[in-house]
Amino acid sequence: MSEQALKELGDHIAATLGDDVLKVELKLGELMVTVRRPSLIKSLTFLRDDPTCSFEQLLDVTAVDWPEREERFEVVYILLSYKHNRRLRVKVTTDEDTPVASAVPVYNAAGWFERETWDMFGIFFSDHPDLRRILTDYGFEGHPLRKDFPMTGYVECRYDEDQKRVVYEPVRLTQDFRSFDFLSPWEGMTNVMLPGDEKAQAPDTGSKP
């Protein structure tokens, strides 16, 4: 789809939703619309039902963590229009404590996507019919895709042969660091005679005419 057509669509959305839209931008050939958090359901409903938009399908809900921002999370909704063969990204911002309205009443597919976003980022979706973890284990602490979540995690699991069950233990790093020697063992053997080296060092004893 041409950038001009996307720009016209962005102008139409901004003109119709008015103050509910904070920003419309074109990046990498895709249209992105940032809306106010309280206006999310109104905006998604318009984008689904308006004939010019007709974004009938919700492809994904995900998030981006910007810890340095006051509202550190950007929640991203990726929409698809079968009718017009185009995509749209809708974004809202929130913090660790402020919930975002669940999009399930507008798009049924949002249910599992929002559960994944809750599990990975800890973003709470109000009025979700079944908001619980979907990727991590029962009793898991923290949210792995937050930038301040440690790369090692907090616990590790293993099968205990004595207890005949999986047990969880605090992460223990047996090595503070590892030193890698990238020198090939063949390159390092400079004073060692290897099989076949004697042929290379043998003098040329070819017969003379």
N, C-alpha and C. Protein backbone atom coordinates (compact mmCIF):
# COMPACT_ATOMS: atom_id res chain seq x y z
N MET A 1 0.85 -1.18 0.00
CA MET A 1 0.00 0.00 0.00
C MET A 1 0.88 1.23 0.00
N SER A 2 0.51 2.24 -0.79
CA SER A 2 1.35 3.42 -0.93
C SER A 2 1.34 4.26 0.34
N GLU A 3 2.40 5.02 0.53
CA GLU A 3 2.49 5.89 1.71
C GLU A 3 1.41 6.97 1.67
N GLN A 4 1.06 7.41 0.47
CA GLN A 4 0.02 8.42 0.35
C GLN A 4 -1.32 7.89 0.85
N ALA A 5 -1.63 6.64 0.49
CA ALA A 5 -2.88 6.04 0.95
C ALA A 5 -2.88 5.87 2.47
N LEU A 6 -1.74 5.47 3.03
CA LEU A 6 -1.64 5.33 4.48
C LEU A 6 -1.76 6.68 5.17
N LYS A 7 -1.18 7.71 4.57
CA LYS A 7 -1.29 9.05 5.15
C LYS A 7 -2.75 9.51 5.16
N GLU A 8 -3.45 9.25 4.07
CA GLU A 8 -4.87 9.64 4.00
C GLU A 8 -5.69 8.88 5.04
N LEU A 9 -5.37 7.61 5.23
CA LEU A 9 -6.06 6.84 6.26
C LEU A 9 -5.77 7.41 7.64
N GLY A 10 -4.50 7.75 7.90
CA GLY A 10 -4.15 8.34 9.19
C GLY A 10 -4.86 9.65 9.42
N ASP A 11 -4.99 10.47 8.39
CA ASP A 11 -5.72 11.75 8.51
C ASP A 11 -7.19 11.50 8.82
N HIS A 12 -7.77 10.48 8.18
CA HIS A 12 -9.18 10.15 8.42
C HIS A 12 -9.39 9.70 9.86
N ILE A 13 -8.49 8.86 10.37
CA ILE A 13 -8.61 8.39 11.76
C ILE A 13 -8.46 9.55 12.74
N ALA A 14 -7.47 10.40 12.50
CA ALA A 14 -7.23 11.53 13.40
C ALA A 14 -8.41 12.51 13.38
N ALA A 15 -8.97 12.75 12.20
CA ALA A 15 -10.08 13.69 12.09
C ALA A 15 -11.34 13.16 12.77
N THR A 16 -11.56 11.85 12.69
CA THR A 16 -12.77 11.26 13.25
C THR A 16 -12.68 11.09 14.76
N LEU A 17 -11.55 10.61 15.24
CA LEU A 17 -11.40 10.37 16.68
C LEU A 17 -11.00 11.61 17.45
N GLY A 18 -10.49 12.61 16.76
CA GLY A 18 -10.20 13.90 17.40
C GLY A 18 -9.20 13.81 18.52
N ASP A 19 -9.59 14.29 19.70
CA ASP A 19 -8.67 14.36 20.84
C ASP A 19 -8.30 12.99 21.40
N ASP A 20 -9.00 11.95 20.98
CA ASP A 20 -8.65 10.61 21.44
C ASP A 20 -7.31 10.15 20.85
N VAL A 21 -6.91 10.78 19.75
CA VAL A 21 -5.65 10.41 19.09
C VAL A 21 -4.54 11.34 19.57
N LEU A 22 -3.45 10.76 20.04
CA LEU A 22 -2.29 11.54 20.48
C LEU A 22 -1.28 11.75 19.37
N LYS A 23 -1.13 10.73 18.50
CA LYS A 23 -0.11 10.83 17.46
C LYS A 23 -0.43 9.86 16.34
N VAL A 24 -0.19 10.32 15.10
CA VAL A 24 -0.28 9.46 13.92
C VAL A 24 1.06 9.56 13.21
N GLU A 25 1.66 8.43 12.89
CA GLU A 25 2.97 8.46 12.25
C GLU A 25 3.13 7.31 11.28
N LEU A 26 3.99 7.54 10.30
CA LEU A 26 4.37 6.52 9.33
C LEU A 26 5.81 6.14 9.59
N LYS A 27 6.06 4.86 9.88
CA LYS A 27 7.42 4.38 10.11
C LYS A 27 7.59 3.05 9.39
N LEU A 28 8.68 2.96 8.65
CA LEU A 28 9.02 1.72 7.95
C LEU A 28 7.85 1.23 7.09
N GLY A 29 7.15 2.20 6.51
CA GLY A 29 6.05 1.86 5.61
C GLY A 29 4.80 1.37 6.31
N GLU A 30 4.68 1.58 7.63
CA GLU A 30 3.51 1.14 8.37
C GLU A 30 2.90 2.31 9.12
N LEU A 31 1.57 2.29 9.22
CA LEU A 31 0.84 3.35 9.91
C LEU A 31 0.69 2.98 11.38
N MET A 32 1.03 3.93 12.26
CA MET A 32 0.94 3.72 13.70
C MET A 32 0.13 4.86 14.31
N VAL A 33 -0.83 4.51 15.15
CA VAL A 33 -1.70 5.49 15.79
C VAL A 33 -1.63 5.30 17.29
N THR A 34 -1.25 6.34 18.01
CA THR A 34 -1.21 6.31 19.47
C THR A 34 -2.45 7.00 19.99
N VAL A 35 -3.22 6.31 20.83
CA VAL A 35 -4.47 6.86 21.36
C VAL A 35 -4.38 6.96 22.87
N ARG A 36 -5.28 7.76 23.44
CA ARG A 36 -5.34 7.88 24.89
C ARG A 36 -5.84 6.56 25.50
N ARG A 37 -5.26 6.22 26.62
CA ARG A 37 -5.61 4.94 27.25
C ARG A 37 -7.11 4.82 27.55
N PRO A 38 -7.77 5.85 28.11
CA PRO A 38 -9.22 5.70 28.37
C PRO A 38 -10.05 5.56 27.10
N SER A 39 -9.50 5.93 25.95
CA SER A 39 -10.27 5.89 24.70
C SER A 39 -9.96 4.64 23.87
N LEU A 40 -9.27 3.67 24.45
CA LEU A 40 -8.83 2.51 23.66
C LEU A 40 -10.01 1.74 23.06
N ILE A 41 -10.99 1.38 23.86
CA ILE A 41 -12.10 0.57 23.37
C ILE A 41 -12.90 1.35 22.33
N LYS A 42 -13.12 2.61 22.57
CA LYS A 42 -13.82 3.44 21.58
C LYS A 42 -13.06 3.47 20.27
N SER A 43 -11.74 3.61 20.34
CA SER A 43 -10.91 3.68 19.13
C SER A 43 -10.90 2.35 18.38
N LEU A 44 -10.74 1.24 19.11
CA LEU A 44 -10.72 -0.06 18.45
C LEU A 44 -12.07 -0.37 17.80
N THR A 45 -13.15 0.01 18.46
CA THR A 45 -14.47 -0.23 17.89
C THR A 45 -14.66 0.56 16.61
N PHE A 46 -14.21 1.80 16.61
CA PHE A 46 -14.29 2.61 15.39
C PHE A 46 -13.46 2.00 14.27
N LEU A 47 -12.25 1.59 14.58
CA LEU A 47 -11.36 1.02 13.56
C LEU A 47 -11.92 -0.28 12.99
N ARG A 48 -12.68 -1.00 13.78
CA ARG A 48 -13.29 -2.24 13.30
C ARG A 48 -14.52 -1.96 12.43
N ASP A 49 -15.35 -0.99 12.83
CA ASP A 49 -16.67 -0.81 12.21
C ASP A 49 -16.71 0.24 11.11
N ASP A 50 -15.77 1.18 11.11
CA ASP A 50 -15.79 2.22 10.09
C ASP A 50 -15.48 1.64 8.72
N PRO A 51 -16.29 1.90 7.70
CA PRO A 51 -16.06 1.31 6.37
C PRO A 51 -14.72 1.68 5.76
N THR A 52 -14.22 2.86 6.05
CA THR A 52 -12.93 3.27 5.50
C THR A 52 -11.78 2.50 6.14
N CYS A 53 -11.98 2.07 7.38
CA CYS A 53 -10.94 1.33 8.10
C CYS A 53 -11.14 -0.18 7.96
N SER A 54 -12.23 -0.69 8.49
CA SER A 54 -12.58 -2.12 8.38
C SER A 54 -11.45 -3.04 8.86
N PHE A 55 -10.91 -2.74 10.02
CA PHE A 55 -9.88 -3.63 10.58
C PHE A 55 -10.59 -4.72 11.38
N GLU A 56 -10.95 -5.79 10.66
CA GLU A 56 -11.78 -6.84 11.25
C GLU A 56 -11.01 -7.80 12.13
N GLN A 57 -9.70 -7.86 11.95
CA GLN A 57 -8.91 -8.90 12.63
C GLN A 57 -7.85 -8.30 13.54
N LEU A 58 -7.79 -8.81 14.77
CA LEU A 58 -6.69 -8.48 15.68
C LEU A 58 -5.65 -9.58 15.55
N LEU A 59 -4.46 -9.21 15.06
CA LEU A 59 -3.40 -10.19 14.84
C LEU A 59 -2.58 -10.47 16.09
N ASP A 60 -2.37 -9.45 16.92
CA ASP A 60 -1.51 -9.65 18.08
C ASP A 60 -1.67 -8.50 19.04
N VAL A 61 -1.38 -8.78 20.30
CA VAL A 61 -1.23 -7.75 21.34
C VAL A 61 0.10 -8.01 22.01
N THR A 62 0.95 -7.01 22.04
CA THR A 62 2.25 -7.16 22.68
C THR A 62 2.60 -5.85 23.37
N ALA A 63 3.81 -5.73 23.85
CA ALA A 63 4.21 -4.52 24.57
C ALA A 63 5.70 -4.28 24.39
N VAL A 64 6.09 -3.05 24.71
CA VAL A 64 7.50 -2.64 24.72
C VAL A 64 7.76 -1.96 26.05
N ASP A 65 8.88 -2.29 26.66
CA ASP A 65 9.22 -1.75 27.98
C ASP A 65 10.27 -0.65 27.82
N TRP A 66 9.94 0.55 28.29
CA TRP A 66 10.87 1.68 28.31
C TRP A 66 11.02 2.12 29.78
N PRO A 67 11.93 1.51 30.54
CA PRO A 67 12.00 1.78 31.99
C PRO A 67 12.25 3.23 32.35
N GLU A 68 12.88 3.98 31.45
CA GLU A 68 13.21 5.36 31.78
C GLU A 68 12.00 6.29 31.68
N ARG A 69 10.91 5.84 31.10
CA ARG A 69 9.72 6.68 30.94
C ARG A 69 8.82 6.58 32.16
N GLU A 70 8.04 7.65 32.38
CA GLU A 70 7.09 7.64 33.49
C GLU A 70 6.04 6.55 33.29
N GLU A 71 5.50 6.46 32.08
CA GLU A 71 4.64 5.35 31.69
C GLU A 71 5.49 4.42 30.84
N ARG A 72 6.05 3.42 31.48
CA ARG A 72 7.15 2.65 30.88
C ARG A 72 6.70 1.71 29.77
N PHE A 73 5.41 1.35 29.74
CA PHE A 73 4.97 0.34 28.78
C PHE A 73 4.19 0.96 27.63
N GLU A 74 4.50 0.49 26.42
CA GLU A 74 3.67 0.74 25.25
C GLU A 74 2.97 -0.57 24.91
N VAL A 75 1.66 -0.57 24.98
CA VAL A 75 0.88 -1.74 24.58
C VAL A 75 0.52 -1.57 23.11
N VAL A 76 0.82 -2.58 22.30
CA VAL A 76 0.69 -2.46 20.85
C VAL A 76 -0.35 -3.47 20.36
N TYR A 77 -1.32 -2.97 19.61
CA TYR A 77 -2.35 -3.81 18.99
C TYR A 77 -2.12 -3.79 17.48
N ILE A 78 -1.96 -4.95 16.89
CA ILE A 78 -1.71 -5.05 15.45
C ILE A 78 -3.00 -5.52 14.78
N LEU A 79 -3.54 -4.67 13.91
CA LEU A 79 -4.83 -4.93 13.27
C LEU A 79 -4.64 -5.20 11.78
N LEU A 80 -5.57 -5.98 11.23
CA LEU A 80 -5.54 -6.31 9.81
C LEU A 80 -6.91 -6.08 9.20
N SER A 81 -6.92 -5.44 8.02
CA SER A 81 -8.15 -5.27 7.25
C SER A 81 -8.11 -6.22 6.06
N TYR A 82 -9.00 -7.20 6.05
CA TYR A 82 -9.10 -8.09 4.89
C TYR A 82 -9.65 -7.33 3.68
N LYS A 83 -10.60 -6.45 3.95
CA LYS A 83 -11.27 -5.72 2.87
C LYS A 83 -10.30 -4.84 2.10
N HIS A 84 -9.43 -4.13 2.81
CA HIS A 84 -8.52 -3.17 2.18
C HIS A 84 -7.09 -3.69 2.08
N ASN A 85 -6.83 -4.88 2.65
CA ASN A 85 -5.50 -5.49 2.58
C ASN A 85 -4.43 -4.55 3.15
N ARG A 86 -4.62 -4.15 4.40
CA ARG A 86 -3.62 -3.28 5.04
C ARG A 86 -3.62 -3.53 6.54
N ARG A 87 -2.54 -3.09 7.16
CA ARG A 87 -2.35 -3.29 8.59
C ARG A 87 -2.24 -1.95 9.30
N LEU A 88 -2.46 -2.01 10.61
CA LEU A 88 -2.39 -0.80 11.45
C LEU A 88 -1.92 -1.21 12.83
N ARG A 89 -1.06 -0.37 13.41
CA ARG A 89 -0.63 -0.57 14.79
C ARG A 89 -1.24 0.53 15.66
N VAL A 90 -1.92 0.09 16.71
CA VAL A 90 -2.52 1.03 17.67
C VAL A 90 -1.74 0.89 18.97
N LYS A 91 -1.35 2.02 19.55
CA LYS A 91 -0.55 1.98 20.77
C LYS A 91 -1.19 2.81 21.87
N VAL A 92 -1.08 2.31 23.10
CA VAL A 92 -1.42 3.08 24.30
C VAL A 92 -0.27 2.91 25.29
N THR A 93 -0.12 3.85 26.18
CA THR A 93 0.94 3.77 27.19
C THR A 93 0.32 3.58 28.57
N THR A 94 1.09 2.94 29.45
CA THR A 94 0.64 2.73 30.81
C THR A 94 1.86 2.47 31.70
N ASP A 95 1.62 2.43 33.01
CA ASP A 95 2.70 2.14 33.95
C ASP A 95 2.45 0.79 34.62
N GLU A 96 3.19 0.51 35.67
CA GLU A 96 3.10 -0.81 36.31
C GLU A 96 1.80 -0.99 37.07
N ASP A 97 1.14 0.10 37.45
CA ASP A 97 -0.03 0.00 38.33
C ASP A 97 -1.35 0.31 37.64
N THR A 98 -1.31 1.00 36.51
CA THR A 98 -2.55 1.44 35.86
C THR A 98 -3.03 0.40 34.86
N PRO A 99 -4.23 -0.11 35.01
CA PRO A 99 -4.71 -1.15 34.08
C PRO A 99 -5.11 -0.56 32.73
N VAL A 100 -5.10 -1.44 31.74
CA VAL A 100 -5.58 -1.11 30.40
C VAL A 100 -6.86 -1.90 30.17
N ALA A 101 -7.84 -1.28 29.57
CA ALA A 101 -9.11 -1.96 29.32
C ALA A 101 -8.90 -3.14 28.38
N SER A 102 -9.49 -4.27 28.70
CA SER A 102 -9.37 -5.44 27.84
C SER A 102 -10.09 -5.22 26.52
N ALA A 103 -9.47 -5.68 25.44
CA ALA A 103 -10.05 -5.54 24.11
C ALA A 103 -10.93 -6.73 23.73
N VAL A 104 -11.15 -7.65 24.66
CA VAL A 104 -11.95 -8.84 24.37
C VAL A 104 -13.36 -8.49 23.88
N PRO A 105 -14.04 -7.46 24.44
CA PRO A 105 -15.37 -7.14 23.93
C PRO A 105 -15.38 -6.71 22.46
N VAL A 106 -14.24 -6.24 21.95
CA VAL A 106 -14.16 -5.80 20.56
C VAL A 106 -13.61 -6.92 19.68
N TYR A 107 -12.54 -7.55 20.15
CA TYR A 107 -11.90 -8.65 19.41
C TYR A 107 -11.76 -9.85 20.35
N ASN A 108 -12.47 -10.93 20.06
CA ASN A 108 -12.38 -12.11 20.91
C ASN A 108 -10.97 -12.66 21.00
N ALA A 109 -10.20 -12.48 19.92
CA ALA A 109 -8.83 -13.02 19.88
C ALA A 109 -7.92 -12.37 20.91
N ALA A 110 -8.33 -11.25 21.48
CA ALA A 110 -7.47 -10.55 22.44
C ALA A 110 -7.26 -11.33 23.72
N GLY A 111 -8.10 -12.31 23.99
CA GLY A 111 -8.04 -13.03 25.26
C GLY A 111 -6.69 -13.61 25.57
N TRP A 112 -6.18 -14.47 24.69
CA TRP A 112 -4.89 -15.12 24.94
C TRP A 112 -3.74 -14.15 24.75
N PHE A 113 -3.88 -13.22 23.80
CA PHE A 113 -2.80 -12.24 23.59
C PHE A 113 -2.59 -11.39 24.84
N GLU A 114 -3.67 -10.97 25.49
CA GLU A 114 -3.55 -10.16 26.70
C GLU A 114 -3.03 -10.99 27.86
N ARG A 115 -3.37 -12.26 27.91
CA ARG A 115 -2.79 -13.12 28.94
C ARG A 115 -1.28 -13.22 28.78
N GLU A 116 -0.82 -13.35 27.54
CA GLU A 116 0.62 -13.42 27.30
C GLU A 116 1.31 -12.12 27.69
N THR A 117 0.69 -10.98 27.35
CA THR A 117 1.26 -9.69 27.70
C THR A 117 1.29 -9.49 29.21
N TRP A 118 0.25 -9.94 29.89
CA TRP A 118 0.25 -9.89 31.35
C TRP A 118 1.36 -10.76 31.93
N ASP A 119 1.51 -11.95 31.40
CA ASP A 119 2.50 -12.89 31.89
C ASP A 119 3.92 -12.36 31.69
N MET A 120 4.21 -11.85 30.52
CA MET A 120 5.56 -11.44 30.17
C MET A 120 5.93 -10.05 30.70
N PHE A 121 4.95 -9.13 30.76
CA PHE A 121 5.26 -7.74 31.13
C PHE A 121 4.60 -7.29 32.42
N GLY A 122 3.58 -8.00 32.89
CA GLY A 122 2.89 -7.58 34.11
C GLY A 122 1.93 -6.43 33.89
N ILE A 123 1.43 -6.27 32.67
CA ILE A 123 0.45 -5.22 32.38
C ILE A 123 -0.94 -5.79 32.66
N PHE A 124 -1.69 -5.12 33.53
CA PHE A 124 -3.00 -5.63 33.94
C PHE A 124 -4.07 -5.13 32.98
N PHE A 125 -4.94 -6.05 32.54
CA PHE A 125 -6.04 -5.71 31.64
C PHE A 125 -7.35 -5.84 32.41
N SER A 126 -7.99 -4.71 32.62
CA SER A 126 -9.23 -4.70 33.40
C SER A 126 -10.36 -5.35 32.61
N ASP A 127 -11.26 -6.04 33.34
CA ASP A 127 -12.44 -6.70 32.77
C ASP A 127 -12.08 -7.84 31.82
N HIS A 128 -10.86 -8.36 31.94
CA HIS A 128 -10.52 -9.54 31.15
C HIS A 128 -11.23 -10.76 31.76
N PRO A 129 -11.81 -11.62 30.94
CA PRO A 129 -12.59 -12.74 31.49
C PRO A 129 -11.75 -13.83 32.17
N ASP A 130 -10.45 -13.90 31.89
CA ASP A 130 -9.64 -14.99 32.46
C ASP A 130 -8.17 -14.59 32.46
N LEU A 131 -7.83 -13.55 33.18
CA LEU A 131 -6.46 -13.03 33.15
C LEU A 131 -5.57 -13.83 34.10
N ARG A 132 -4.80 -14.74 33.53
CA ARG A 132 -3.83 -15.54 34.30
C ARG A 132 -2.65 -15.86 33.40
N ARG A 133 -1.59 -16.36 34.00
CA ARG A 133 -0.39 -16.66 33.23
C ARG A 133 -0.68 -17.72 32.17
N ILE A 134 0.10 -17.64 31.07
CA ILE A 134 -0.13 -18.57 29.98
C ILE A 134 1.17 -19.23 29.49
N LEU A 135 2.32 -18.61 29.75
CA LEU A 135 3.60 -19.16 29.28
C LEU A 135 4.47 -19.66 30.43
N THR A 136 4.47 -18.97 31.55
CA THR A 136 5.31 -19.38 32.67
C THR A 136 4.57 -20.37 33.56
N ASP A 137 5.29 -20.96 34.51
CA ASP A 137 4.74 -22.01 35.35
C ASP A 137 3.91 -21.41 36.48
N TYR A 138 3.12 -22.28 37.11
CA TYR A 138 2.35 -21.87 38.28
C TYR A 138 3.30 -21.41 39.38
N GLY A 139 2.96 -20.30 40.02
CA GLY A 139 3.79 -19.79 41.09
C GLY A 139 5.00 -19.00 40.63
N PHE A 140 5.14 -18.78 39.33
CA PHE A 140 6.29 -18.03 38.82
C PHE A 140 6.24 -16.60 39.35
N GLU A 141 7.39 -16.06 39.73
CA GLU A 141 7.47 -14.70 40.25
C GLU A 141 8.15 -13.79 39.24
N GLY A 142 7.57 -12.62 39.01
CA GLY A 142 8.14 -11.66 38.09
C GLY A 142 7.58 -11.80 36.69
N HIS A 143 8.09 -10.94 35.79
CA HIS A 143 7.62 -10.90 34.42
C HIS A 143 8.84 -10.83 33.50
N PRO A 144 9.14 -11.91 32.77
CA PRO A 144 10.44 -12.09 32.13
C PRO A 144 10.83 -11.07 31.07
N LEU A 145 9.89 -10.41 30.41
CA LEU A 145 10.26 -9.48 29.34
C LEU A 145 10.40 -8.04 29.82
N ARG A 146 10.30 -7.81 31.11
CA ARG A 146 10.63 -6.49 31.63
C ARG A 146 12.14 -6.29 31.58
N LYS A 147 12.55 -5.08 31.28
CA LYS A 147 13.98 -4.81 31.14
C LYS A 147 14.74 -4.99 32.45
N ASP A 148 14.05 -4.87 33.59
CA ASP A 148 14.74 -5.01 34.87
C ASP A 148 14.67 -6.43 35.41
N PHE A 149 14.15 -7.37 34.63
CA PHE A 149 14.14 -8.77 35.05
C PHE A 149 15.50 -9.37 34.75
N PRO A 150 16.15 -10.03 35.73
CA PRO A 150 17.51 -10.54 35.50
C PRO A 150 17.53 -11.62 34.42
N MET A 151 18.61 -11.63 33.65
CA MET A 151 18.75 -12.60 32.56
C MET A 151 18.74 -14.04 33.08
N THR A 152 19.22 -14.24 34.28
CA THR A 152 19.28 -15.59 34.85
C THR A 152 17.97 -16.01 35.49
N GLY A 153 17.06 -15.06 35.68
CA GLY A 153 15.85 -15.37 36.44
C GLY A 153 16.14 -15.44 37.92
N TYR A 154 15.14 -15.82 38.69
CA TYR A 154 15.30 -15.90 40.14
C TYR A 154 15.44 -17.33 40.63
N VAL A 155 14.80 -18.28 39.95
CA VAL A 155 14.85 -19.67 40.37
C VAL A 155 15.18 -20.56 39.18
N GLU A 156 15.66 -21.74 39.48
CA GLU A 156 15.89 -22.75 38.46
C GLU A 156 15.18 -24.03 38.89
N CYS A 157 14.78 -24.84 37.92
CA CYS A 157 14.08 -26.06 38.26
C CYS A 157 14.87 -27.27 37.78
N ARG A 158 14.71 -28.36 38.47
CA ARG A 158 15.37 -29.61 38.11
C ARG A 158 14.54 -30.76 38.66
N TYR A 159 14.78 -31.93 38.13
CA TYR A 159 14.09 -33.12 38.65
C TYR A 159 14.91 -33.72 39.77
N ASP A 160 14.31 -33.84 40.93
CA ASP A 160 14.99 -34.41 42.10
C ASP A 160 14.70 -35.91 42.15
N GLU A 161 15.76 -36.70 42.02
CA GLU A 161 15.60 -38.16 41.98
C GLU A 161 15.11 -38.70 43.33
N ASP A 162 15.54 -38.06 44.42
CA ASP A 162 15.12 -38.55 45.73
C ASP A 162 13.64 -38.25 45.99
N GLN A 163 13.22 -37.03 45.63
CA GLN A 163 11.83 -36.66 45.88
C GLN A 163 10.90 -37.10 44.75
N LYS A 164 11.49 -37.51 43.62
CA LYS A 164 10.71 -37.97 42.47
C LYS A 164 9.74 -36.88 41.97
N ARG A 165 10.24 -35.67 41.94
CA ARG A 165 9.42 -34.58 41.44
C ARG A 165 10.32 -33.42 41.03
N VAL A 166 9.74 -32.46 40.32
CA VAL A 166 10.46 -31.26 39.93
C VAL A 166 10.51 -30.30 41.11
N VAL A 167 11.70 -29.78 41.41
CA VAL A 167 11.87 -28.85 42.52
C VAL A 167 12.43 -27.53 41.99
N TYR A 168 12.13 -26.48 42.73
CA TYR A 168 12.61 -25.15 42.38
C TYR A 168 13.62 -24.70 43.43
N GLU A 169 14.71 -24.10 42.95
CA GLU A 169 15.77 -23.64 43.83
C GLU A 169 16.26 -22.28 43.36
N PRO A 170 16.80 -21.47 44.27
CA PRO A 170 17.40 -20.20 43.83
C PRO A 170 18.51 -20.45 42.82
N VAL A 171 18.64 -19.55 41.87
CA VAL A 171 19.66 -19.70 40.83
C VAL A 171 21.04 -19.64 41.46
N ARG A 172 21.87 -20.61 41.11
CA ARG A 172 23.25 -20.64 41.59
C ARG A 172 24.17 -20.67 40.37
N LEU A 173 24.99 -19.66 40.24
CA LEU A 173 25.95 -19.60 39.14
C LEU A 173 27.27 -20.17 39.62
N THR A 174 27.63 -21.34 39.13
CA THR A 174 28.83 -22.00 39.60
C THR A 174 30.10 -21.34 39.05
N GLN A 175 29.97 -20.56 37.99
CA GLN A 175 31.11 -19.84 37.43
C GLN A 175 30.74 -18.36 37.32
N ASP A 176 31.58 -17.51 37.90
CA ASP A 176 31.34 -16.08 37.77
C ASP A 176 31.55 -15.61 36.34
N PHE A 177 32.50 -16.22 35.69
CA PHE A 177 32.75 -15.90 34.29
C PHE A 177 33.49 -17.07 33.66
N ARG A 178 33.54 -17.07 32.35
CA ARG A 178 34.27 -18.11 31.64
C ARG A 178 35.24 -17.45 30.69
N SER A 179 36.41 -18.04 30.57
CA SER A 179 37.44 -17.53 29.66
C SER A 179 37.53 -18.47 28.48
N PHE A 180 37.30 -17.92 27.31
CA PHE A 180 37.31 -18.72 26.09
C PHE A 180 38.62 -18.49 25.33
N ASP A 181 39.27 -19.58 24.95
CA ASP A 181 40.48 -19.51 24.14
C ASP A 181 40.10 -19.89 22.71
N PHE A 182 40.08 -18.89 21.85
CA PHE A 182 39.64 -19.12 20.48
C PHE A 182 40.76 -19.60 19.56
N LEU A 183 41.97 -19.81 20.11
CA LEU A 183 43.08 -20.28 19.29
C LEU A 183 42.88 -21.75 18.93
N SER A 184 42.97 -22.05 17.68
CA SER A 184 42.82 -23.43 17.25
C SER A 184 43.94 -24.27 17.85
N PRO A 185 43.64 -25.48 18.32
CA PRO A 185 44.71 -26.33 18.89
C PRO A 185 45.79 -26.64 17.86
N TRP A 186 45.44 -26.66 16.58
CA TRP A 186 46.44 -26.93 15.55
C TRP A 186 47.35 -25.72 15.36
N GLU A 187 46.77 -24.51 15.52
CA GLU A 187 47.60 -23.31 15.37
C GLU A 187 48.57 -23.16 16.54
N GLY A 188 48.16 -23.67 17.70
CA GLY A 188 49.02 -23.52 18.87
C GLY A 188 50.15 -24.53 18.94
N MET A 189 50.10 -25.58 18.16
CA MET A 189 51.13 -26.63 18.22
C MET A 189 52.25 -26.29 17.24
N THR A 190 53.06 -25.31 17.61
CA THR A 190 54.11 -24.84 16.70
C THR A 190 55.39 -25.67 16.79
N ASN A 191 55.63 -26.32 17.93
CA ASN A 191 56.88 -27.07 18.12
C ASN A 191 56.65 -28.58 18.20
N VAL A 192 55.57 -29.02 17.60
CA VAL A 192 55.23 -30.44 17.66
C VAL A 192 55.19 -30.99 16.24
N MET A 193 55.80 -32.14 16.06
CA MET A 193 55.77 -32.81 14.77
C MET A 193 54.47 -33.60 14.65
N LEU A 194 53.66 -33.22 13.67
CA LEU A 194 52.40 -33.90 13.43
C LEU A 194 52.57 -34.93 12.32
N PRO A 195 51.73 -35.95 12.30
CA PRO A 195 51.82 -36.95 11.24
C PRO A 195 51.72 -36.29 9.86
N GLY A 196 52.69 -36.59 9.01
CA GLY A 196 52.71 -36.02 7.68
C GLY A 196 53.63 -34.83 7.52
N ASP A 197 54.07 -34.23 8.67
CA ASP A 197 54.96 -33.07 8.58
C ASP A 197 56.32 -33.45 8.00
N GLU A 198 56.73 -34.71 8.19
CA GLU A 198 58.05 -35.09 7.70
C GLU A 198 58.11 -35.03 6.17
N LYS A 199 56.98 -35.20 5.51
CA LYS A 199 56.96 -35.12 4.06
C LYS A 199 57.19 -33.69 3.59
N ALA A 200 56.62 -32.75 4.32
CA ALA A 200 56.79 -31.37 3.93
C ALA A 200 58.22 -30.90 4.14
N GLN A 201 58.91 -31.46 5.14
CA GLN A 201 60.27 -31.02 5.43
C GLN A 201 61.34 -31.83 4.70
N ALA A 202 60.95 -32.90 4.06
CA ALA A 202 61.93 -33.74 3.35
C ALA A 202 62.53 -32.98 2.17
N PRO A 203 63.88 -33.06 1.97
CA PRO A 203 64.51 -32.33 0.84
C PRO A 203 64.08 -32.93 -0.49
N ASP A 204 64.14 -32.09 -1.51
CA ASP A 204 63.78 -32.53 -2.85
C ASP A 204 64.91 -33.39 -3.42
N THR A 205 64.61 -34.67 -3.62
CA THR A 205 65.65 -35.61 -4.16
C THR A 205 65.31 -36.07 -5.57
N GLY A 206 64.64 -35.20 -6.27
CA GLY A 206 64.29 -35.56 -7.64
C GLY A 206 65.52 -35.85 -8.50
N SER A 207 65.43 -36.78 -9.43
CA SER A 207 66.59 -37.16 -10.29
C SER A 207 66.90 -36.06 -11.28
N LYS A 208 68.23 -35.91 -11.54
CA LYS A 208 68.67 -34.90 -12.50
C LYS A 208 68.76 -35.53 -13.88
N PRO A 209 68.56 -34.78 -14.93
CA PRO A 209 68.66 -35.31 -16.29
C PRO A 209 70.08 -35.71 -16.62
